[in-house]
PDB file of N, CA and C in Angstrom:
ATOM      1  N   MET A   1      19.578  -5.780  -1.168  1.00  0.00           N
ATOM      2  CA  MET A   1      19.508  -4.348  -0.966  1.00  0.00           C
ATOM      3  C   MET A   1      18.119  -3.799  -1.299  1.00  0.00           C
ATOM      4  N   ARG A   2      17.492  -4.348  -2.311  1.00  0.00           N
ATOM      5  CA  ARG A   2      16.180  -3.861  -2.705  1.00  0.00           C
ATOM      6  C   ARG A   2      15.156  -4.091  -1.601  1.00  0.00           C
ATOM      7  N   LYS A   3      15.207  -5.249  -0.940  1.00  0.00           N
ATOM      8  CA  LYS A   3      14.262  -5.530   0.133  1.00  0.00           C
ATOM      9  C   LYS A   3      14.474  -4.574   1.293  1.00  0.00           C
ATOM     10  N   ASN A   4      15.712  -4.227   1.589  1.00  0.00           N
ATOM     11  CA  ASN A   4      16.002  -3.269   2.633  1.00  0.00           C
ATOM     12  C   ASN A   4      15.386  -1.912   2.288  1.00  0.00           C
ATOM     13  N   TYR A   5      15.384  -1.558   1.014  1.00  0.00           N
ATOM     14  CA  TYR A   5      14.778  -0.312   0.560  1.00  0.00           C
ATOM     15  C   TYR A   5      13.275  -0.314   0.846  1.00  0.00           C
ATOM     16  N   PHE A   6      12.615  -1.434   0.615  1.00  0.00           N
ATOM     17  CA  PHE A   6      11.179  -1.552   0.889  1.00  0.00           C
ATOM     18  C   PHE A   6      10.900  -1.279   2.365  1.00  0.00           C
ATOM     19  N   VAL A   7      11.676  -1.868   3.230  1.00  0.00           N
ATOM     20  CA  VAL A   7      11.472  -1.708   4.666  1.00  0.00           C
ATOM     21  C   VAL A   7      11.689  -0.258   5.081  1.00  0.00           C
ATOM     22  N   LYS A   8      12.736   0.380   4.574  1.00  0.00           N
ATOM     23  CA  LYS A   8      13.005   1.785   4.891  1.00  0.00           C
ATOM     24  C   LYS A   8      11.891   2.690   4.389  1.00  0.00           C
ATOM     25  N   LEU A   9      11.401   2.420   3.185  1.00  0.00           N
ATOM     26  CA  LEU A   9      10.321   3.223   2.616  1.00  0.00           C
ATOM     27  C   LEU A   9       9.055   3.094   3.456  1.00  0.00           C
ATOM     28  N   LEU A  10       8.711   1.899   3.846  1.00  0.00           N
ATOM     29  CA  LEU A  10       7.520   1.679   4.660  1.00  0.00           C
ATOM     30  C   LEU A  10       7.667   2.361   6.017  1.00  0.00           C
ATOM     31  N   ARG A  11       8.809   2.239   6.626  1.00  0.00           N
ATOM     32  CA  ARG A  11       9.051   2.880   7.919  1.00  0.00           C
ATOM     33  C   ARG A  11       8.913   4.402   7.796  1.00  0.00           C
ATOM     34  N   TYR A  12       9.446   4.959   6.730  1.00  0.00           N
ATOM     35  CA  TYR A  12       9.336   6.397   6.491  1.00  0.00           C
ATOM     36  C   TYR A  12       7.872   6.817   6.343  1.00  0.00           C
ATOM     37  N   MET A  13       7.120   6.057   5.565  1.00  0.00           N
ATOM     38  CA  MET A  13       5.702   6.382   5.353  1.00  0.00           C
ATOM     39  C   MET A  13       4.934   6.328   6.667  1.00  0.00           C
ATOM     40  N   LYS A  14       5.249   5.369   7.503  1.00  0.00           N
ATOM     41  CA  LYS A  14       4.563   5.243   8.794  1.00  0.00           C
ATOM     42  C   LYS A  14       4.967   6.356   9.753  1.00  0.00           C
ATOM     43  N   ASN A  15       6.256   6.652   9.843  1.00  0.00           N
ATOM     44  CA  ASN A  15       6.736   7.635  10.816  1.00  0.00           C
ATOM     45  C   ASN A  15       6.411   9.073  10.436  1.00  0.00           C
ATOM     46  N   VAL A  16       6.514   9.409   9.168  1.00  0.00           N
ATOM     47  CA  VAL A  16       6.322  10.788   8.746  1.00  0.00           C
ATOM     48  C   VAL A  16       4.863  11.083   8.413  1.00  0.00           C
ATOM     49  N   TYR A  17       4.238  10.205   7.658  1.00  0.00           N
ATOM     50  CA  TYR A  17       2.877  10.463   7.181  1.00  0.00           C
ATOM     51  C   TYR A  17       1.804   9.665   7.906  1.00  0.00           C
ATOM     52  N   HIS A  18       2.192   8.795   8.811  1.00  0.00           N
ATOM     53  CA  HIS A  18       1.250   7.967   9.571  1.00  0.00           C
ATOM     54  C   HIS A  18       0.268   7.257   8.637  1.00  0.00           C
ATOM     55  N   ILE A  19       0.813   6.714   7.574  1.00  0.00           N
ATOM     56  CA  ILE A  19       0.006   6.087   6.530  1.00  0.00           C
ATOM     57  C   ILE A  19      -0.780   4.888   7.053  1.00  0.00           C
ATOM     58  N   ASP A  20      -0.242   4.203   8.043  1.00  0.00           N
ATOM     59  CA  ASP A  20      -0.924   3.036   8.583  1.00  0.00           C
ATOM     60  C   ASP A  20      -2.255   3.405   9.242  1.00  0.00           C
ATOM     61  N   HIS A  21      -2.324   4.591   9.853  1.00  0.00           N
ATOM     62  CA  HIS A  21      -3.580   5.031  10.465  1.00  0.00           C
ATOM     63  C   HIS A  21      -4.648   5.300   9.412  1.00  0.00           C
ATOM     64  N   GLY A  22      -4.253   5.960   8.334  1.00  0.00           N
ATOM     65  CA  GLY A  22      -5.204   6.234   7.253  1.00  0.00           C
ATOM     66  C   GLY A  22      -5.664   4.966   6.567  1.00  0.00           C
ATOM     67  N   LEU A  23      -4.726   4.077   6.310  1.00  0.00           N
ATOM     68  CA  LEU A  23      -5.085   2.821   5.633  1.00  0.00           C
ATOM     69  C   LEU A  23      -5.992   1.958   6.496  1.00  0.00           C
ATOM     70  N   SER A  24      -5.804   2.003   7.804  1.00  0.00           N
ATOM     71  CA  SER A  24      -6.616   1.156   8.689  1.00  0.00           C
ATOM     72  C   SER A  24      -8.097   1.517   8.647  1.00  0.00           C
ATOM     73  N   ARG A  25      -8.411   2.722   8.202  1.00  0.00           N
ATOM     74  CA  ARG A  25      -9.815   3.151   8.111  1.00  0.00           C
ATOM     75  C   ARG A  25     -10.451   2.876   6.759  1.00  0.00           C
ATOM     76  N   LEU A  26      -9.656   2.427   5.794  1.00  0.00           N
ATOM     77  CA  LEU A  26     -10.199   2.171   4.455  1.00  0.00           C
ATOM     78  C   LEU A  26     -11.074   0.925   4.428  1.00  0.00           C
ATOM     79  N   THR A  27     -12.097   0.986   3.605  1.00  0.00           N
ATOM     80  CA  THR A  27     -12.985  -0.153   3.406  1.00  0.00           C
ATOM     81  C   THR A  27     -13.214  -0.341   1.912  1.00  0.00           C
ATOM     82  N   ASP A  28     -13.824  -1.452   1.577  1.00  0.00           N
ATOM     83  CA  ASP A  28     -14.242  -1.685   0.199  1.00  0.00           C
ATOM     84  C   ASP A  28     -15.522  -2.502   0.229  1.00  0.00           C
ATOM     85  N   ARG A  29     -16.078  -2.773  -0.934  1.00  0.00           N
ATOM     86  CA  ARG A  29     -17.375  -3.440  -1.017  1.00  0.00           C
ATOM     87  C   ARG A  29     -17.286  -4.954  -1.165  1.00  0.00           C
ATOM     88  N   ARG A  30     -16.109  -5.546  -1.029  1.00  0.00           N
ATOM     89  CA  ARG A  30     -16.010  -7.004  -1.133  1.00  0.00           C
ATOM     90  C   ARG A  30     -16.746  -7.643   0.033  1.00  0.00           C
ATOM     91  N   VAL A  31     -17.346  -8.785  -0.220  1.00  0.00           N
ATOM     92  CA  VAL A  31     -18.076  -9.511   0.811  1.00  0.00           C
ATOM     93  C   VAL A  31     -17.159 -10.580   1.392  1.00  0.00           C
ATOM     94  N   SER A  32     -16.997 -10.575   2.697  1.00  0.00           N
ATOM     95  CA  SER A  32     -16.160 -11.541   3.427  1.00  0.00           C
ATOM     96  C   SER A  32     -14.773 -11.694   2.798  1.00  0.00           C
ATOM     97  N   PRO A  33     -14.006 -10.599   2.724  1.00  0.00           N
ATOM     98  CA  PRO A  33     -12.696 -10.678   2.075  1.00  0.00           C
ATOM     99  C   PRO A  33     -11.695 -11.485   2.898  1.00  0.00           C
ATOM    100  N   LYS A  34     -10.842 -12.211   2.213  1.00  0.00           N
ATOM    101  CA  LYS A  34      -9.781 -12.980   2.861  1.00  0.00           C
ATOM    102  C   LYS A  34      -8.649 -12.043   3.287  1.00  0.00           C
ATOM    103  N   TYR A  35      -8.399 -11.007   2.503  1.00  0.00           N
ATOM    104  CA  TYR A  35      -7.322 -10.050   2.777  1.00  0.00           C
ATOM    105  C   TYR A  35      -7.930  -8.712   3.156  1.00  0.00           C
ATOM    106  N   LYS A  36      -7.353  -8.069   4.143  1.00  0.00           N
ATOM    107  CA  LYS A  36      -7.857  -6.782   4.601  1.00  0.00           C
ATOM    108  C   LYS A  36      -7.513  -5.684   3.586  1.00  0.00           C
ATOM    109  N   THR A  37      -8.408  -4.742   3.477  1.00  0.00           N
ATOM    110  CA  THR A  37      -8.237  -3.635   2.544  1.00  0.00           C
ATOM    111  C   THR A  37      -6.910  -2.893   2.736  1.00  0.00           C
ATOM    112  N   PRO A  38      -6.521  -2.541   3.977  1.00  0.00           N
ATOM    113  CA  PRO A  38      -5.249  -1.817   4.137  1.00  0.00           C
ATOM    114  C   PRO A  38      -4.040  -2.583   3.592  1.00  0.00           C
ATOM    115  N   GLN A  39      -4.027  -3.883   3.758  1.00  0.00           N
ATOM    116  CA  GLN A  39      -2.910  -4.686   3.266  1.00  0.00           C
ATOM    117  C   GLN A  39      -2.830  -4.621   1.744  1.00  0.00           C
ATOM    118  N   VAL A  40      -3.963  -4.729   1.090  1.00  0.00           N
ATOM    119  CA  VAL A  40      -3.994  -4.695  -0.374  1.00  0.00           C
ATOM    120  C   VAL A  40      -3.598  -3.315  -0.888  1.00  0.00           C
ATOM    121  N   ILE A  41      -4.119  -2.271  -0.264  1.00  0.00           N
ATOM    122  CA  ILE A  41      -3.823  -0.907  -0.703  1.00  0.00           C
ATOM    123  C   ILE A  41      -2.361  -0.564  -0.446  1.00  0.00           C
ATOM    124  N   LEU A  42      -1.793  -1.049   0.645  1.00  0.00           N
ATOM    125  CA  LEU A  42      -0.376  -0.801   0.921  1.00  0.00           C
ATOM    126  C   LEU A  42       0.505  -1.392  -0.178  1.00  0.00           C
ATOM    127  N   ILE A  43       0.193  -2.584  -0.606  1.00  0.00           N
ATOM    128  CA  ILE A  43       0.952  -3.206  -1.691  1.00  0.00           C
ATOM    129  C   ILE A  43       0.821  -2.375  -2.963  1.00  0.00           C
ATOM    130  N   THR A  44      -0.370  -1.901  -3.241  1.00  0.00           N
ATOM    131  CA  THR A  44      -0.605  -1.079  -4.431  1.00  0.00           C
ATOM    132  C   THR A  44       0.149   0.246  -4.337  1.00  0.00           C
ATOM    133  N   LEU A  45       0.123   0.856  -3.168  1.00  0.00           N
ATOM    134  CA  LEU A  45       0.837   2.112  -2.959  1.00  0.00           C
ATOM    135  C   LEU A  45       2.343   1.935  -3.167  1.00  0.00           C
ATOM    136  N   LEU A  46       2.880   0.858  -2.640  1.00  0.00           N
ATOM    137  CA  LEU A  46       4.303   0.577  -2.848  1.00  0.00           C
ATOM    138  C   LEU A  46       4.607   0.358  -4.326  1.00  0.00           C
ATOM    139  N   ALA A  47       3.703  -0.306  -5.017  1.00  0.00           N
ATOM    140  CA  ALA A  47       3.891  -0.543  -6.450  1.00  0.00           C
ATOM    141  C   ALA A  47       3.966   0.782  -7.210  1.00  0.00           C
ATOM    142  N   PHE A  48       3.103   1.738  -6.855  1.00  0.00           N
ATOM    143  CA  PHE A  48       3.151   3.059  -7.491  1.00  0.00           C
ATOM    144  C   PHE A  48       4.452   3.771  -7.175  1.00  0.00           C
ATOM    145  N   GLN A  49       4.849   3.749  -5.911  1.00  0.00           N
ATOM    146  CA  GLN A  49       6.058   4.461  -5.512  1.00  0.00           C
ATOM    147  C   GLN A  49       7.308   3.861  -6.144  1.00  0.00           C
ATOM    148  N   LEU A  50       7.284   2.565  -6.357  1.00  0.00           N
ATOM    149  CA  LEU A  50       8.439   1.908  -6.959  1.00  0.00           C
ATOM    150  C   LEU A  50       8.360   1.897  -8.477  1.00  0.00           C
ATOM    151  N   ARG A  51       7.334   2.553  -8.996  1.00  0.00           N
ATOM    152  CA  ARG A  51       7.128   2.694 -10.438  1.00  0.00           C
ATOM    153  C   ARG A  51       7.004   1.355 -11.156  1.00  0.00           C
ATOM    154  N   ILE A  52       6.282   0.461 -10.525  1.00  0.00           N
ATOM    155  CA  ILE A  52       5.984  -0.810 -11.170  1.00  0.00           C
ATOM    156  C   ILE A  52       5.005  -0.491 -12.289  1.00  0.00           C
ATOM    157  N   LYS A  53       5.332  -0.903 -13.498  1.00  0.00           N
ATOM    158  CA  LYS A  53       4.642  -0.413 -14.693  1.00  0.00           C
ATOM    159  C   LYS A  53       3.312  -1.074 -15.005  1.00  0.00           C
ATOM    160  N   SER A  54       3.090  -2.269 -14.487  1.00  0.00           N
ATOM    161  CA  SER A  54       1.867  -2.972 -14.865  1.00  0.00           C
ATOM    162  C   SER A  54       1.463  -3.962 -13.777  1.00  0.00           C
ATOM    163  N   MET A  55       0.234  -4.405 -13.876  1.00  0.00           N
ATOM    164  CA  MET A  55      -0.238  -5.439 -12.961  1.00  0.00           C
ATOM    165  C   MET A  55       0.509  -6.753 -13.216  1.00  0.00           C
ATOM    166  N   LYS A  56       0.915  -6.954 -14.443  1.00  0.00           N
ATOM    167  CA  LYS A  56       1.686  -8.155 -14.775  1.00  0.00           C
ATOM    168  C   LYS A  56       3.026  -8.143 -14.031  1.00  0.00           C
ATOM    169  N   GLU A  57       3.681  -6.993 -14.006  1.00  0.00           N
ATOM    170  CA  GLU A  57       4.943  -6.874 -13.281  1.00  0.00           C
ATOM    171  C   GLU A  57       4.725  -7.028 -11.776  1.00  0.00           C
ATOM    172  N   LEU A  58       3.646  -6.445 -11.260  1.00  0.00           N
ATOM    173  CA  LEU A  58       3.321  -6.593  -9.842  1.00  0.00           C
ATOM    174  C   LEU A  58       3.057  -8.048  -9.505  1.00  0.00           C
ATOM    175  N   LYS A  59       2.369  -8.735 -10.389  1.00  0.00           N
ATOM    176  CA  LYS A  59       2.093 -10.162 -10.180  1.00  0.00           C
ATOM    177  C   LYS A  59       3.402 -10.942 -10.035  1.00  0.00           C
ATOM    178  N   TYR A  60       4.375 -10.636 -10.866  1.00  0.00           N
ATOM    179  CA  TYR A  60       5.675 -11.300 -10.811  1.00  0.00           C
ATOM    180  C   TYR A  60       6.385 -10.986  -9.492  1.00  0.00           C
ATOM    181  N   ILE A  61       6.347  -9.733  -9.079  1.00  0.00           N
ATOM    182  CA  ILE A  61       7.002  -9.320  -7.833  1.00  0.00           C
ATOM    183  C   ILE A  61       6.368 -10.021  -6.635  1.00  0.00           C
ATOM    184  N   LEU A  62       5.049 -10.129  -6.643  1.00  0.00           N
ATOM    185  CA  LEU A  62       4.366 -10.846  -5.564  1.00  0.00           C
ATOM    186  C   LEU A  62       4.745 -12.329  -5.569  1.00  0.00           C
ATOM    187  N   LYS A  63       4.824 -12.891  -6.750  1.00  0.00           N
ATOM    188  CA  LYS A  63       5.182 -14.307  -6.874  1.00  0.00           C
ATOM    189  C   LYS A  63       6.597 -14.566  -6.360  1.00  0.00           C
ATOM    190  N   GLU A  64       7.491 -13.609  -6.553  1.00  0.00           N
ATOM    191  CA  GLU A  64       8.879 -13.740  -6.106  1.00  0.00           C
ATOM    192  C   GLU A  64       9.056 -13.341  -4.632  1.00  0.00           C
ATOM    193  N   ASN A  65       7.953 -13.012  -3.955  1.00  0.00           N
ATOM    194  CA  ASN A  65       7.966 -12.663  -2.524  1.00  0.00           C
ATOM    195  C   ASN A  65       8.830 -11.451  -2.192  1.00  0.00           C
ATOM    196  N   GLU A  66       8.879 -10.483  -3.091  1.00  0.00           N
ATOM    197  CA  GLU A  66       9.682  -9.284  -2.862  1.00  0.00           C
ATOM    198  C   GLU A  66       9.130  -8.417  -1.719  1.00  0.00           C
ATOM    199  N   PHE A  67       7.835  -8.524  -1.435  1.00  0.00           N
ATOM    200  CA  PHE A  67       7.226  -7.734  -0.370  1.00  0.00           C
ATOM    201  C   PHE A  67       7.164  -8.492   0.953  1.00  0.00           C
ATOM    202  N   ARG A  68       7.675  -9.680   1.002  1.00  0.00           N
ATOM    203  CA  ARG A  68       7.576 -10.547   2.183  1.00  0.00           C
ATOM    204  C   ARG A  68       8.104  -9.864   3.444  1.00  0.00           C
ATOM    205  N   SER A  69       9.209  -9.141   3.347  1.00  0.00           N
ATOM    206  CA  SER A  69       9.826  -8.545   4.535  1.00  0.00           C
ATOM    207  C   SER A  69       9.000  -7.403   5.124  1.00  0.00           C
ATOM    208  N   LEU A  70       7.999  -6.927   4.411  1.00  0.00           N
ATOM    209  CA  LEU A  70       7.170  -5.825   4.889  1.00  0.00           C
ATOM    210  C   LEU A  70       6.068  -6.269   5.841  1.00  0.00           C
ATOM    211  N   PHE A  71       5.770  -7.542   5.830  1.00  0.00           N
ATOM    212  CA  PHE A  71       4.660  -8.057   6.618  1.00  0.00           C
ATOM    213  C   PHE A  71       5.174  -9.097   7.606  1.00  0.00           C
ATOM    214  N   SER A  72       4.440  -9.257   8.686  1.00  0.00           N
ATOM    215  CA  SER A  72       4.858 -10.214   9.705  1.00  0.00           C
ATOM    216  C   SER A  72       4.867 -11.628   9.136  1.00  0.00           C
ATOM    217  N   SER A  73       5.702 -12.458   9.728  1.00  0.00           N
ATOM    218  CA  SER A  73       5.816 -13.836   9.226  1.00  0.00           C
ATOM    219  C   SER A  73       4.476 -14.551   9.376  1.00  0.00           C
ATOM    220  N   GLY A  74       4.176 -15.374   8.420  1.00  0.00           N
ATOM    221  CA  GLY A  74       2.906 -16.093   8.413  1.00  0.00           C
ATOM    222  C   GLY A  74       1.793 -15.354   7.700  1.00  0.00           C
ATOM    223  N   THR A  75       2.016 -14.085   7.359  1.00  0.00           N
ATOM    224  CA  THR A  75       1.004 -13.311   6.646  1.00  0.00           C
ATOM    225  C   THR A  75       1.033 -13.700   5.177  1.00  0.00           C
ATOM    226  N   GLN A  76      -0.113 -14.109   4.675  1.00  0.00           N
ATOM    227  CA  GLN A  76      -0.220 -14.431   3.256  1.00  0.00           C
ATOM    228  C   GLN A  76      -0.478 -13.149   2.482  1.00  0.00           C
ATOM    229  N   LEU A  77       0.200 -13.006   1.370  1.00  0.00           N
ATOM    230  CA  LEU A  77      -0.022 -11.829   0.532  1.00  0.00           C
ATOM    231  C   LEU A  77      -1.068 -12.143  -0.529  1.00  0.00           C
ATOM    232  N   PRO A  78      -1.867 -11.142  -0.896  1.00  0.00           N
ATOM    233  CA  PRO A  78      -2.925 -11.381  -1.878  1.00  0.00           C
ATOM    234  C   PRO A  78      -2.377 -11.628  -3.276  1.00  0.00           C
ATOM    235  N   GLN A  79      -3.162 -12.325  -4.053  1.00  0.00           N
ATOM    236  CA  GLN A  79      -2.858 -12.544  -5.465  1.00  0.00           C
ATOM    237  C   GLN A  79      -3.268 -11.285  -6.233  1.00  0.00           C
ATOM    238  N   ILE A  80      -2.831 -11.181  -7.451  1.00  0.00           N
ATOM    239  CA  ILE A  80      -3.109 -10.003  -8.266  1.00  0.00           C
ATOM    240  C   ILE A  80      -4.612  -9.825  -8.512  1.00  0.00           C
ATOM    241  N   ASP A  81      -5.362 -10.921  -8.634  1.00  0.00           N
ATOM    242  CA  ASP A  81      -6.813 -10.821  -8.835  1.00  0.00           C
ATOM    243  C   ASP A  81      -7.491 -10.148  -7.640  1.00  0.00           C
ATOM    244  N   THR A  82      -7.037 -10.464  -6.450  1.00  0.00           N
ATOM    245  CA  THR A  82      -7.593  -9.840  -5.248  1.00  0.00           C
ATOM    246  C   THR A  82      -7.288  -8.349  -5.228  1.00  0.00           C
ATOM    247  N   ILE A  83      -6.083  -8.001  -5.626  1.00  0.00           N
ATOM    248  CA  ILE A  83      -5.705  -6.586  -5.671  1.00  0.00           C
ATOM    249  C   ILE A  83      -6.596  -5.829  -6.651  1.00  0.00           C
ATOM    250  N   ILE A  84      -6.809  -6.391  -7.807  1.00  0.00           N
ATOM    251  CA  ILE A  84      -7.666  -5.749  -8.817  1.00  0.00           C
ATOM    252  C   ILE A  84      -9.095  -5.610  -8.312  1.00  0.00           C
ATOM    253  N   ASP A  85      -9.636  -6.667  -7.706  1.00  0.00           N
ATOM    254  CA  ASP A  85     -11.000  -6.615  -7.171  1.00  0.00           C
ATOM    255  C   ASP A  85     -11.134  -5.555  -6.076  1.00  0.00           C
ATOM    256  N   THR A  86     -10.118  -5.452  -5.238  1.00  0.00           N
ATOM    257  CA  THR A  86     -10.149  -4.461  -4.167  1.00  0.00           C
ATOM    258  C   THR A  86     -10.102  -3.053  -4.742  1.00  0.00           C
ATOM    259  N   LEU A  87      -9.246  -2.840  -5.711  1.00  0.00           N
ATOM    260  CA  LEU A  87      -9.137  -1.510  -6.313  1.00  0.00           C
ATOM    261  C   LEU A  87     -10.433  -1.091  -7.004  1.00  0.00           C
ATOM    262  N   LYS A  88     -11.165  -2.046  -7.521  1.00  0.00           N
ATOM    263  CA  LYS A  88     -12.447  -1.734  -8.170  1.00  0.00           C
ATOM    264  C   LYS A  88     -13.497  -1.281  -7.168  1.00  0.00           C
ATOM    265  N   SER A  89     -13.367  -1.720  -5.905  1.00  0.00           N
ATOM    266  CA  SER A  89     -14.440  -1.463  -4.950  1.00  0.00           C
ATOM    267  C   SER A  89     -14.007  -0.674  -3.710  1.00  0.00           C
ATOM    268  N   VAL A  90     -12.801  -0.112  -3.716  1.00  0.00           N
ATOM    269  CA  VAL A  90     -12.310   0.604  -2.539  1.00  0.00           C
ATOM    270  C   VAL A  90     -13.034   1.933  -2.358  1.00  0.00           C
ATOM    271  N   ASP A  91     -13.114   2.376  -1.111  1.00  0.00           N
ATOM    272  CA  ASP A  91     -13.734   3.645  -0.749  1.00  0.00           C
ATOM    273  C   ASP A  91     -12.848   4.796  -1.212  1.00  0.00           C
ATOM    274  N   THR A  92     -13.218   5.438  -2.307  1.00  0.00           N
ATOM    275  CA  THR A  92     -12.378   6.502  -2.874  1.00  0.00           C
ATOM    276  C   THR A  92     -12.361   7.758  -2.001  1.00  0.00           C
ATOM    277  N   ILE A  93     -13.404   7.987  -1.236  1.00  0.00           N
ATOM    278  CA  ILE A  93     -13.420   9.142  -0.338  1.00  0.00           C
ATOM    279  C   ILE A  93     -12.347   8.976   0.741  1.00  0.00           C
ATOM    280  N   GLY A  94     -12.200   7.765   1.236  1.00  0.00           N
ATOM    281  CA  GLY A  94     -11.155   7.485   2.217  1.00  0.00           C
ATOM    282  C   GLY A  94      -9.765   7.661   1.635  1.00  0.00           C
ATOM    283  N   LEU A  95      -9.584   7.234   0.387  1.00  0.00           N
ATOM    284  CA  LEU A  95      -8.294   7.426  -0.278  1.00  0.00           C
ATOM    285  C   LEU A  95      -7.971   8.905  -0.448  1.00  0.00           C
ATOM    286  N   LYS A  96      -8.977   9.689  -0.847  1.00  0.00           N
ATOM    287  CA  LYS A  96      -8.773  11.128  -1.008  1.00  0.00           C
ATOM    288  C   LYS A  96      -8.389  11.775   0.314  1.00  0.00           C
ATOM    289  N   SER A  97      -8.988  11.311   1.392  1.00  0.00           N
ATOM    290  CA  SER A  97      -8.671  11.841   2.713  1.00  0.00           C
ATOM    291  C   SER A  97      -7.212  11.572   3.075  1.00  0.00           C
ATOM    292  N   ILE A  98      -6.720  10.378   2.787  1.00  0.00           N
ATOM    293  CA  ILE A  98      -5.324  10.036   3.046  1.00  0.00           C
ATOM    294  C   ILE A  98      -4.405  10.921   2.222  1.00  0.00           C
ATOM    295  N   LEU A  99      -4.726  11.097   0.944  1.00  0.00           N
ATOM    296  CA  LEU A  99      -3.894  11.931   0.077  1.00  0.00           C
ATOM    297  C   LEU A  99      -3.863  13.378   0.544  1.00  0.00           C
ATOM    298  N   LYS A 100      -5.002  13.906   0.976  1.00  0.00           N
ATOM    299  CA  LYS A 100      -5.049  15.279   1.485  1.00  0.00           C
ATOM    300  C   LYS A 100      -4.155  15.423   2.707  1.00  0.00           C
ATOM    301  N   HIS A 101      -4.186  14.423   3.586  1.00  0.00           N
ATOM    302  CA  HIS A 101      -3.343  14.459   4.777  1.00  0.00           C
ATOM    303  C   HIS A 101      -1.865  14.475   4.384  1.00  0.00           C
ATOM    304  N   ILE A 102      -1.482  13.674   3.421  1.00  0.00           N
ATOM    305  CA  ILE A 102      -0.089  13.617   2.978  1.00  0.00           C
ATOM    306  C   ILE A 102       0.335  14.953   2.373  1.00  0.00           C
ATOM    307  N   VAL A 103      -0.516  15.521   1.536  1.00  0.00           N
ATOM    308  CA  VAL A 103      -0.189  16.804   0.898  1.00  0.00           C
ATOM    309  C   VAL A 103      -0.077  17.903   1.951  1.00  0.00           C
ATOM    310  N   ARG A 104      -1.006  17.937   2.901  1.00  0.00           N
ATOM    311  CA  ARG A 104      -0.948  18.939   3.971  1.00  0.00           C
ATOM    312  C   ARG A 104       0.331  18.779   4.787  1.00  0.00           C
ATOM    313  N   ARG A 105       0.643  17.552   5.118  1.00  0.00           N
ATOM    314  CA  ARG A 105       1.851  17.280   5.914  1.00  0.00           C
ATOM    315  C   ARG A 105       3.104  17.723   5.156  1.00  0.00           C
ATOM    316  N   HIS A 106       3.145  17.401   3.880  1.00  0.00           N
ATOM    317  CA  HIS A 106       4.307  17.752   3.056  1.00  0.00           C
ATOM    318  C   HIS A 106       4.411  19.268   2.877  1.00  0.00           C
ATOM    319  N   SER A 107       3.284  19.951   2.669  1.00  0.00           N
ATOM    320  CA  SER A 107       3.341  21.393   2.454  1.00  0.00           C
ATOM    321  C   SER A 107       3.690  22.134   3.744  1.00  0.00           C
ATOM    322  N   ASN A 108       3.363  21.570   4.898  1.00  0.00           N
ATOM    323  CA  ASN A 108       3.733  22.187   6.172  1.00  0.00           C
ATOM    324  C   ASN A 108       5.217  22.045   6.467  1.00  0.00           C
ATOM    325  N   ASP A 109       5.824  20.960   5.977  1.00  0.00           N
ATOM    326  CA  ASP A 109       7.253  20.715   6.204  1.00  0.00           C
ATOM    327  C   ASP A 109       8.121  21.405   5.181  1.00  0.00           C
ATOM    328  N   GLY A 110       7.535  21.813   4.068  1.00  0.00           N
ATOM    329  CA  GLY A 110       8.322  22.389   2.987  1.00  0.00           C
ATOM    330  C   GLY A 110       8.904  21.293   2.139  1.00  0.00           C
ATOM    331  N   PRO A 111       9.754  21.639   1.173  1.00  0.00           N
ATOM    332  CA  PRO A 111      10.329  20.629   0.287  1.00  0.00           C
ATOM    333  C   PRO A 111      11.177  19.641   1.072  1.00  0.00           C
ATOM    334  N   GLY A 112      11.146  18.390   0.609  1.00  0.00           N
ATOM    335  CA  GLY A 112      11.998  17.458   1.319  1.00  0.00           C
ATOM    336  C   GLY A 112      11.830  16.004   0.969  1.00  0.00           C
ATOM    337  N   ILE A 113      10.832  15.623   0.228  1.00  0.00           N
ATOM    338  CA  ILE A 113      10.714  14.197  -0.102  1.00  0.00           C
ATOM    339  C   ILE A 113      11.643  13.832  -1.204  1.00  0.00           C
TER     340      ILE A 113
END
């Protein structure tokens, strides 16, 4: 049931807030990264929404493949070190732009999340 919740949450974020479009424009300062910035940030965003309390807990969830159903088969998920490195170097202006879009969208629709 929990994995089904992940899929529904991701679908909602894509359909209502078009989060995939905003994430696709994000960049970071890593050189020749193995994992794309949007993929890493999406995992981090889900971790916040699911109230994962620490990077240690996120590491365990990744190890248990709890996010596997969110990505196409054959997609490798990043390790916790990659997530931390990406968060250290991500384009914060791009993140702020995504957040502004979400807030504007939510305030135009009224209460409802």
